[in-house]
Every structure is written in structure tokens, then in C-alpha cells.
PDB file of N, CA and C in Angstrom:
ATOM      1  N   MET A   1     -43.422   3.876  28.978  1.00  0.00           N
ATOM      2  CA  MET A   1     -44.753   2.740  30.135  1.00  0.00           C
ATOM      3  C   MET A   1     -43.845   3.019  32.095  1.00  0.00           C
ATOM      4  N   GLY A   2     -45.016   3.387  32.508  1.00  0.00           N
ATOM      5  CA  GLY A   2     -44.207   3.769  33.643  1.00  0.00           C
ATOM      6  C   GLY A   2     -44.568   2.597  34.740  1.00  0.00           C
ATOM      7  N   ARG A   3     -43.700   2.110  35.577  1.00  0.00           N
ATOM      8  CA  ARG A   3     -44.209   1.065  37.128  1.00  0.00           C
ATOM      9  C   ARG A   3     -45.480   1.255  37.510  1.00  0.00           C
ATOM     10  N   ARG A   4     -45.630   0.059  38.677  1.00  0.00           N
ATOM     11  CA  ARG A   4     -46.674   0.926  39.782  1.00  0.00           C
ATOM     12  C   ARG A   4     -45.742   1.247  40.740  1.00  0.00           C
ATOM     13  N   ARG A   5     -46.719   2.584  41.969  1.00  0.00           N
ATOM     14  CA  ARG A   5     -45.938   2.881  42.535  1.00  0.00           C
ATOM     15  C   ARG A   5     -46.260   2.060  43.975  1.00  0.00           C
ATOM     16  N   ARG A   6     -45.744   1.672  45.103  1.00  0.00           N
ATOM     17  CA  ARG A   6     -45.617   0.921  45.983  1.00  0.00           C
ATOM     18  C   ARG A   6     -45.923   1.651  46.742  1.00  0.00           C
ATOM     19  N   LYS A   7     -47.018   0.994  47.509  1.00  0.00           N
ATOM     20  CA  LYS A   7     -47.513   1.816  49.051  1.00  0.00           C
ATOM     21  C   LYS A   7     -46.636   1.770  50.065  1.00  0.00           C
ATOM     22  N   LYS A   8     -46.471   3.244  50.868  1.00  0.00           N
ATOM     23  CA  LYS A   8     -45.923   3.017  52.509  1.00  0.00           C
ATOM     24  C   LYS A   8     -46.854   2.466  52.915  1.00  0.00           C
ATOM     25  N   ILE A   9     -45.236   1.621  53.687  1.00  0.00           N
ATOM     26  CA  ILE A   9     -46.354   0.926  54.883  1.00  0.00           C
ATOM     27  C   ILE A   9     -45.748   1.511  56.119  1.00  0.00           C
ATOM     28  N   VAL A  10     -46.375   1.990  56.848  1.00  0.00           N
ATOM     29  CA  VAL A  10     -46.906   2.827  57.937  1.00  0.00           C
ATOM     30  C   VAL A  10     -46.140   1.881  59.024  1.00  0.00           C
ATOM     31  N   LYS A  11     -45.165   1.347  59.668  1.00  0.00           N
ATOM     32  CA  LYS A  11     -45.861   0.762  61.010  1.00  0.00           C
ATOM     33  C   LYS A  11     -45.913   1.481  62.576  1.00  0.00           C
ATOM     34  N   VAL A  12     -47.219   0.894  63.249  1.00  0.00           N
ATOM     35  CA  VAL A  12     -47.563   2.265  64.349  1.00  0.00           C
ATOM     36  C   VAL A  12     -46.304   1.425  65.456  1.00  0.00           C
ATOM     37  N   TYR A  13     -45.916   2.314  66.079  1.00  0.00           N
ATOM     38  CA  TYR A  13     -45.320   1.783  67.274  1.00  0.00           C
ATOM     39  C   TYR A  13     -45.276   2.073  68.757  1.00  0.00           C
ATOM     40  N   LYS A  14     -45.808   0.607  68.934  1.00  0.00           N
ATOM     41  CA  LYS A  14     -46.535   0.940  70.752  1.00  0.00           C
ATOM     42  C   LYS A  14     -45.499   0.669  71.667  1.00  0.00           C
ATOM     43  N   PRO A  15     -45.354   1.385  72.383  1.00  0.00           N
ATOM     44  CA  PRO A  15     -44.383   1.370  73.756  1.00  0.00           C
ATOM     45  C   PRO A  15     -45.015  -0.366  74.646  1.00  0.00           C
ATOM     46  N   LYS A  16     -43.868  -0.088  74.920  1.00  0.00           N
ATOM     47  CA  LYS A  16     -43.629  -1.550  75.857  1.00  0.00           C
ATOM     48  C   LYS A  16     -43.521  -1.380  77.513  1.00  0.00           C
ATOM     49  N   ILE A  17     -43.969  -1.781  78.523  1.00  0.00           N
ATOM     50  CA  ILE A  17     -43.926  -1.503  79.783  1.00  0.00           C
ATOM     51  C   ILE A  17     -42.121  -2.761  80.023  1.00  0.00           C
ATOM     52  N   PRO A  18     -41.379  -2.244  80.248  1.00  0.00           N
ATOM     53  CA  PRO A  18     -40.108  -3.048  80.727  1.00  0.00           C
ATOM     54  C   PRO A  18     -40.492  -3.844  81.769  1.00  0.00           C
ATOM     55  N   LYS A  19     -39.589  -5.365  81.820  1.00  0.00           N
ATOM     56  CA  LYS A  19     -39.747  -5.932  82.965  1.00  0.00           C
ATOM     57  C   LYS A  19     -39.208  -5.482  84.361  1.00  0.00           C
ATOM     58  N   ILE A  20     -37.856  -5.042  83.738  1.00  0.00           N
ATOM     59  CA  ILE A  20     -36.850  -4.928  84.512  1.00  0.00           C
ATOM     60  C   ILE A  20     -37.023  -2.897  84.554  1.00  0.00           C
ATOM     61  N   PHE A  21     -37.009  -2.877  86.135  1.00  0.00           N
ATOM     62  CA  PHE A  21     -36.925  -1.188  86.381  1.00  0.00           C
ATOM     63  C   PHE A  21     -35.864  -0.673  86.978  1.00  0.00           C
ATOM     64  N   THR A  22     -35.441   0.704  87.167  1.00  0.00           N
ATOM     65  CA  THR A  22     -34.375   0.933  87.649  1.00  0.00           C
ATOM     66  C   THR A  22     -34.619   1.550  89.190  1.00  0.00           C
ATOM     67  N   CYS A  23     -33.598   0.371  90.139  1.00  0.00           N
ATOM     68  CA  CYS A  23     -33.615   1.072  91.468  1.00  0.00           C
ATOM     69  C   CYS A  23     -33.653   2.283  91.298  1.00  0.00           C
ATOM     70  N   PRO A  24     -34.446   2.793  92.338  1.00  0.00           N
ATOM     71  CA  PRO A  24     -34.378   4.544  93.108  1.00  0.00           C
ATOM     72  C   PRO A  24     -33.337   4.421  94.380  1.00  0.00           C
ATOM     73  N   VAL A  25     -32.556   3.167  94.939  1.00  0.00           N
ATOM     74  CA  VAL A  25     -32.528   3.373  95.798  1.00  0.00           C
ATOM     75  C   VAL A  25     -30.187   2.849  95.640  1.00  0.00           C
ATOM     76  N   CYS A  26     -30.601   2.258  94.256  1.00  0.00           N
ATOM     77  CA  CYS A  26     -28.663   1.863  93.846  1.00  0.00           C
ATOM     78  C   CYS A  26     -28.835   2.843  92.927  1.00  0.00           C
ATOM     79  N   GLY A  27     -29.892   2.551  91.731  1.00  0.00           N
ATOM     80  CA  GLY A  27     -29.874   3.307  90.608  1.00  0.00           C
ATOM     81  C   GLY A  27     -29.219   2.492  89.437  1.00  0.00           C
ATOM     82  N   SER A  28     -29.198   1.293  89.779  1.00  0.00           N
ATOM     83  CA  SER A  28     -28.565   0.250  88.892  1.00  0.00           C
ATOM     84  C   SER A  28     -30.378  -0.403  88.113  1.00  0.00           C
ATOM     85  N   LYS A  29     -30.192  -1.176  86.853  1.00  0.00           N
ATOM     86  CA  LYS A  29     -31.307  -1.762  86.240  1.00  0.00           C
ATOM     87  C   LYS A  29     -31.603  -3.351  86.971  1.00  0.00           C
ATOM     88  N   SER A  30     -32.037  -3.000  87.771  1.00  0.00           N
ATOM     89  CA  SER A  30     -32.261  -4.611  88.630  1.00  0.00           C
ATOM     90  C   SER A  30     -32.969  -5.172  88.922  1.00  0.00           C
ATOM     91  N   LEU A  31     -34.572  -4.093  89.193  1.00  0.00           N
ATOM     92  CA  LEU A  31     -35.483  -4.441  90.006  1.00  0.00           C
ATOM     93  C   LEU A  31     -36.346  -5.026  89.210  1.00  0.00           C
ATOM     94  N   ASN A  32     -37.059  -5.990  90.201  1.00  0.00           N
ATOM     95  CA  ASN A  32     -38.176  -7.045  89.965  1.00  0.00           C
ATOM     96  C   ASN A  32     -38.879  -6.902  90.543  1.00  0.00           C
ATOM     97  N   ILE A  33     -40.130  -6.746  89.691  1.00  0.00           N
ATOM     98  CA  ILE A  33     -41.503  -7.086  90.463  1.00  0.00           C
ATOM     99  C   ILE A  33     -42.085  -7.824  89.870  1.00  0.00           C
ATOM    100  N   THR A  34     -42.896  -8.542  90.548  1.00  0.00           N
ATOM    101  CA  THR A  34     -43.855 -10.023  90.382  1.00  0.00           C
ATOM    102  C   THR A  34     -45.268  -9.563  91.512  1.00  0.00           C
ATOM    103  N   ILE A  35     -46.415 -10.002  90.547  1.00  0.00           N
ATOM    104  CA  ILE A  35     -47.976  -9.568  91.327  1.00  0.00           C
ATOM    105  C   ILE A  35     -47.886 -11.047  91.235  1.00  0.00           C
ATOM    106  N   ASN A  36     -48.701 -11.009  92.542  1.00  0.00           N
ATOM    107  CA  ASN A  36     -49.718 -12.125  92.719  1.00  0.00           C
ATOM    108  C   ASN A  36     -50.842 -12.032  93.284  1.00  0.00           C
ATOM    109  N   ARG A  37     -51.679 -12.349  92.205  1.00  0.00           N
ATOM    110  CA  ARG A  37     -53.405 -11.647  91.715  1.00  0.00           C
ATOM    111  C   ARG A  37     -54.123 -13.064  92.829  1.00  0.00           C
ATOM    112  N   LYS A  38     -53.341 -14.056  93.217  1.00  0.00           N
ATOM    113  CA  LYS A  38     -54.214 -14.283  94.178  1.00  0.00           C
ATOM    114  C   LYS A  38     -54.061 -13.347  95.238  1.00  0.00           C
ATOM    115  N   ASP A  39     -53.131 -13.637  95.925  1.00  0.00           N
ATOM    116  CA  ASP A  39     -53.158 -12.953  97.617  1.00  0.00           C
ATOM    117  C   ASP A  39     -53.439 -11.351  97.215  1.00  0.00           C
ATOM    118  N   GLY A  40     -53.112 -11.368  96.175  1.00  0.00           N
ATOM    119  CA  GLY A  40     -53.469  -9.370  95.655  1.00  0.00           C
ATOM    120  C   GLY A  40     -51.944  -8.736  96.839  1.00  0.00           C
ATOM    121  N   ASN A  41     -51.489  -9.321  96.593  1.00  0.00           N
ATOM    122  CA  ASN A  41     -49.482  -8.492  97.035  1.00  0.00           C
ATOM    123  C   ASN A  41     -48.957  -8.405  95.563  1.00  0.00           C
ATOM    124  N   ALA A  42     -47.813  -7.255  95.553  1.00  0.00           N
ATOM    125  CA  ALA A  42     -47.056  -7.457  94.886  1.00  0.00           C
ATOM    126  C   ALA A  42     -45.568  -7.632  95.171  1.00  0.00           C
ATOM    127  N   TYR A  43     -44.827  -8.141  95.080  1.00  0.00           N
ATOM    128  CA  TYR A  43     -42.940  -7.507  95.750  1.00  0.00           C
ATOM    129  C   TYR A  43     -42.390  -7.354  94.726  1.00  0.00           C
ATOM    130  N   VAL A  44     -41.178  -6.955  94.996  1.00  0.00           N
ATOM    131  CA  VAL A  44     -40.585  -6.367  94.750  1.00  0.00           C
ATOM    132  C   VAL A  44     -39.210  -6.510  94.874  1.00  0.00           C
ATOM    133  N   LYS A  45     -37.986  -6.438  94.380  1.00  0.00           N
ATOM    134  CA  LYS A  45     -36.851  -6.735  95.269  1.00  0.00           C
ATOM    135  C   LYS A  45     -35.631  -6.306  94.090  1.00  0.00           C
ATOM    136  N   CYS A  46     -34.792  -6.231  94.339  1.00  0.00           N
ATOM    137  CA  CYS A  46     -33.705  -5.287  93.563  1.00  0.00           C
ATOM    138  C   CYS A  46     -32.220  -6.679  93.604  1.00  0.00           C
ATOM    139  N   ALA A  47     -31.711  -7.215  92.336  1.00  0.00           N
ATOM    140  CA  ALA A  47     -31.073  -7.867  92.674  1.00  0.00           C
ATOM    141  C   ALA A  47     -28.998  -7.621  93.112  1.00  0.00           C
ATOM    142  N   ASN A  48     -28.971  -6.320  93.202  1.00  0.00           N
ATOM    143  CA  ASN A  48     -27.750  -5.524  93.345  1.00  0.00           C
ATOM    144  C   ASN A  48     -27.566  -5.105  94.882  1.00  0.00           C
ATOM    145  N   CYS A  49     -28.091  -4.378  95.219  1.00  0.00           N
ATOM    146  CA  CYS A  49     -28.600  -4.012  96.838  1.00  0.00           C
ATOM    147  C   CYS A  49     -29.274  -4.921  97.441  1.00  0.00           C
ATOM    148  N   LYS A  50     -30.161  -5.658  97.003  1.00  0.00           N
ATOM    149  CA  LYS A  50     -31.075  -6.728  97.957  1.00  0.00           C
ATOM    150  C   LYS A  50     -32.320  -5.842  98.525  1.00  0.00           C
ATOM    151  N   LEU A  51     -32.876  -5.115  97.748  1.00  0.00           N
ATOM    152  CA  LEU A  51     -33.768  -4.024  98.685  1.00  0.00           C
ATOM    153  C   LEU A  51     -35.008  -5.056  98.147  1.00  0.00           C
ATOM    154  N   GLU A  52     -36.467  -5.220  99.483  1.00  0.00           N
ATOM    155  CA  GLU A  52     -36.956  -5.774  99.410  1.00  0.00           C
ATOM    156  C   GLU A  52     -38.414  -5.286  99.561  1.00  0.00           C
ATOM    157  N   TRP A  53     -39.529  -5.363  99.166  1.00  0.00           N
ATOM    158  CA  TRP A  53     -40.880  -4.254  99.771  1.00  0.00           C
ATOM    159  C   TRP A  53     -41.567  -5.390  98.977  1.00  0.00           C
ATOM    160  N   SER A  54     -42.614  -5.039  99.705  1.00  0.00           N
ATOM    161  CA  SER A  54     -44.503  -5.522  99.207  1.00  0.00           C
ATOM    162  C   SER A  54     -45.404  -4.427  99.610  1.00  0.00           C
ATOM    163  N   THR A  55     -46.296  -5.050  98.375  1.00  0.00           N
ATOM    164  CA  THR A  55     -47.609  -4.079  99.308  1.00  0.00           C
ATOM    165  C   THR A  55     -48.800  -4.885  98.306  1.00  0.00           C
ATOM    166  N   ASN A  56     -50.568  -4.227  98.791  1.00  0.00           N
ATOM    167  CA  ASN A  56     -51.727  -4.724  98.230  1.00  0.00           C
ATOM    168  C   ASN A  56     -51.607  -4.272  96.535  1.00  0.00           C
ATOM    169  N   VAL A  57     -52.251  -4.805  95.999  1.00  0.00           N
ATOM    170  CA  VAL A  57     -52.431  -4.617  94.798  1.00  0.00           C
ATOM    171  C   VAL A  57     -53.602  -4.878  93.976  1.00  0.00           C
ATOM    172  N   LYS A  58     -53.819  -3.783  93.556  1.00  0.00           N
ATOM    173  CA  LYS A  58     -55.686  -3.525  93.120  1.00  0.00           C
ATOM    174  C   LYS A  58     -55.770  -4.321  92.031  1.00  0.00           C
ATOM    175  N   SER A  59     -56.959  -4.442  91.587  1.00  0.00           N
ATOM    176  CA  SER A  59     -57.129  -5.668  90.362  1.00  0.00           C
ATOM    177  C   SER A  59     -56.373  -4.942  89.191  1.00  0.00           C
ATOM    178  N   TYR A  60     -56.955  -3.632  88.488  1.00  0.00           N
ATOM    179  CA  TYR A  60     -56.514  -3.000  87.501  1.00  0.00           C
ATOM    180  C   TYR A  60     -55.147  -2.451  87.294  1.00  0.00           C
ATOM    181  N   GLU A  61     -54.043  -2.523  88.511  1.00  0.00           N
ATOM    182  CA  GLU A  61     -52.941  -2.097  88.787  1.00  0.00           C
ATOM    183  C   GLU A  61     -52.001  -3.430  87.634  1.00  0.00           C
ATOM    184  N   GLU A  62     -50.997  -2.259  87.380  1.00  0.00           N
ATOM    185  CA  GLU A  62     -49.720  -2.999  86.588  1.00  0.00           C
ATOM    186  C   GLU A  62     -48.437  -3.197  86.971  1.00  0.00           C
ATOM    187  N   THR A  63     -47.397  -3.215  86.990  1.00  0.00           N
ATOM    188  CA  THR A  63     -46.473  -3.578  87.273  1.00  0.00           C
ATOM    189  C   THR A  63     -46.082  -2.026  87.171  1.00  0.00           C
ATOM    190  N   ILE A  64     -45.755  -1.367  86.275  1.00  0.00           N
ATOM    191  CA  ILE A  64     -45.228   0.040  86.165  1.00  0.00           C
ATOM    192  C   ILE A  64     -45.926   1.179  86.897  1.00  0.00           C
ATOM    193  N   ASP A  65     -47.258   0.668  87.959  1.00  0.00           N
ATOM    194  CA  ASP A  65     -47.953   1.467  89.133  1.00  0.00           C
ATOM    195  C   ASP A  65     -47.060   0.781  90.617  1.00  0.00           C
ATOM    196  N   ILE A  66     -46.810   0.018  90.700  1.00  0.00           N
ATOM    197  CA  ILE A  66     -46.118  -0.552  91.333  1.00  0.00           C
ATOM    198  C   ILE A  66     -44.937   0.500  91.808  1.00  0.00           C
ATOM    199  N   TYR A  67     -44.141   0.520  90.548  1.00  0.00           N
ATOM    200  CA  TYR A  67     -43.104   0.823  90.629  1.00  0.00           C
ATOM    201  C   TYR A  67     -43.226   2.506  90.947  1.00  0.00           C
ATOM    202  N   HIS A  68     -44.225   3.170  90.776  1.00  0.00           N
ATOM    203  CA  HIS A  68     -44.723   4.517  90.627  1.00  0.00           C
ATOM    204  C   HIS A  68     -44.499   4.712  92.885  1.00  0.00           C
ATOM    205  N   LYS A  69     -45.706   3.552  92.676  1.00  0.00           N
ATOM    206  CA  LYS A  69     -45.758   3.710  94.517  1.00  0.00           C
ATOM    207  C   LYS A  69     -44.023   3.180  95.443  1.00  0.00           C
ATOM    208  N   LEU A  70     -43.340   2.654  94.761  1.00  0.00           N
ATOM    209  CA  LEU A  70     -42.486   2.092  95.438  1.00  0.00           C
ATOM    210  C   LEU A  70     -41.393   3.716  95.386  1.00  0.00           C
ATOM    211  N   PHE A  71     -41.570   4.235  93.900  1.00  0.00           N
ATOM    212  CA  PHE A  71     -40.660   5.343  94.074  1.00  0.00           C
ATOM    213  C   PHE A  71     -40.457   6.664  94.692  1.00  0.00           C
ATOM    214  N   ASP A  72     -42.695   6.957  95.058  1.00  0.00           N
ATOM    215  CA  ASP A  72     -43.582   7.890  95.839  1.00  0.00           C
ATOM    216  C   ASP A  72     -42.952   7.662  97.267  1.00  0.00           C
ATOM    217  N   GLU A  73     -43.141   6.456  97.359  1.00  0.00           N
ATOM    218  CA  GLU A  73     -42.396   5.762  98.921  1.00  0.00           C
ATOM    219  C   GLU A  73     -41.306   6.393  99.659  1.00  0.00           C
ATOM    220  N   TYR A  74     -40.623   5.869  98.364  1.00  0.00           N
ATOM    221  CA  TYR A  74     -38.737   6.034  98.362  1.00  0.00           C
ATOM    222  C   TYR A  74     -39.309   7.714  98.885  1.00  0.00           C
ATOM    223  N   ILE A  75     -39.221   8.892  98.037  1.00  0.00           N
ATOM    224  CA  ILE A  75     -38.768   9.672  98.033  1.00  0.00           C
ATOM    225  C   ILE A  75     -39.291  10.455  99.090  1.00  0.00           C
ATOM    226  N   ASP A  76     -40.827  10.090  99.702  1.00  0.00           N
ATOM    227  CA  ASP A  76     -41.576  10.361 101.100  1.00  0.00           C
ATOM    228  C   ASP A  76     -40.411  10.448 102.457  1.00  0.00           C
ATOM    229  N   ARG A  77     -39.620   9.018 102.415  1.00  0.00           N
ATOM    230  CA  ARG A  77     -39.012   8.662 103.103  1.00  0.00           C
ATOM    231  C   ARG A  77     -37.815   9.597 103.254  1.00  0.00           C
ATOM    232  N   LEU A  78     -37.354   9.974 102.097  1.00  0.00           N
ATOM    233  CA  LEU A  78     -36.145  11.274 102.174  1.00  0.00           C
ATOM    234  C   LEU A  78     -36.143  12.828 102.618  1.00  0.00           C
ATOM    235  N   GLU A  79     -37.858  12.588 102.307  1.00  0.00           N
ATOM    236  CA  GLU A  79     -37.775  14.513 102.627  1.00  0.00           C
ATOM    237  C   GLU A  79     -38.312  14.402 104.354  1.00  0.00           C
TER     238      GLU A  79
END
């Protein structure tokens, strides 16, 4: 007599957006992004090098979009 086979459980991994990002200026993982939907602004602050930056936000933008805006602006200033 054989026993029943177990069904394989397949876990689906869904990547999550990080809450703390890597700072493009100092390279440490201490960049915090807060989005205020009421004023339509996003504020970026690094705890290590005291970088502060703010920008306007569209209704569909998330924290990762703001981080890429900051990164693009920083790279453009270097060139």
C-alpha cells in the first residue's frame, strides 16, 4: 500500500520596494524619501551626508521614481 503524494507548494516571490535607498553622494544606505500627497511634494534626506532635496510629485509616482529622479539629476550635475 502506498501513501498519497504531497502536492508541491510553489511560493511566488514578489519583490518589494525598499524603504531606505543608497545615497548617490556618499554611497551609504541611509537615504529616506517621504512623499506628501497633499502638497504634491517629495522630500529626500540622507542621514549620513545631510543631503536634502525636494521635488514635485505626480499622483502616480512612487518612492522608486523619486529616487531615480534624484539619481539622474545628480549624474547630470557631475557631467
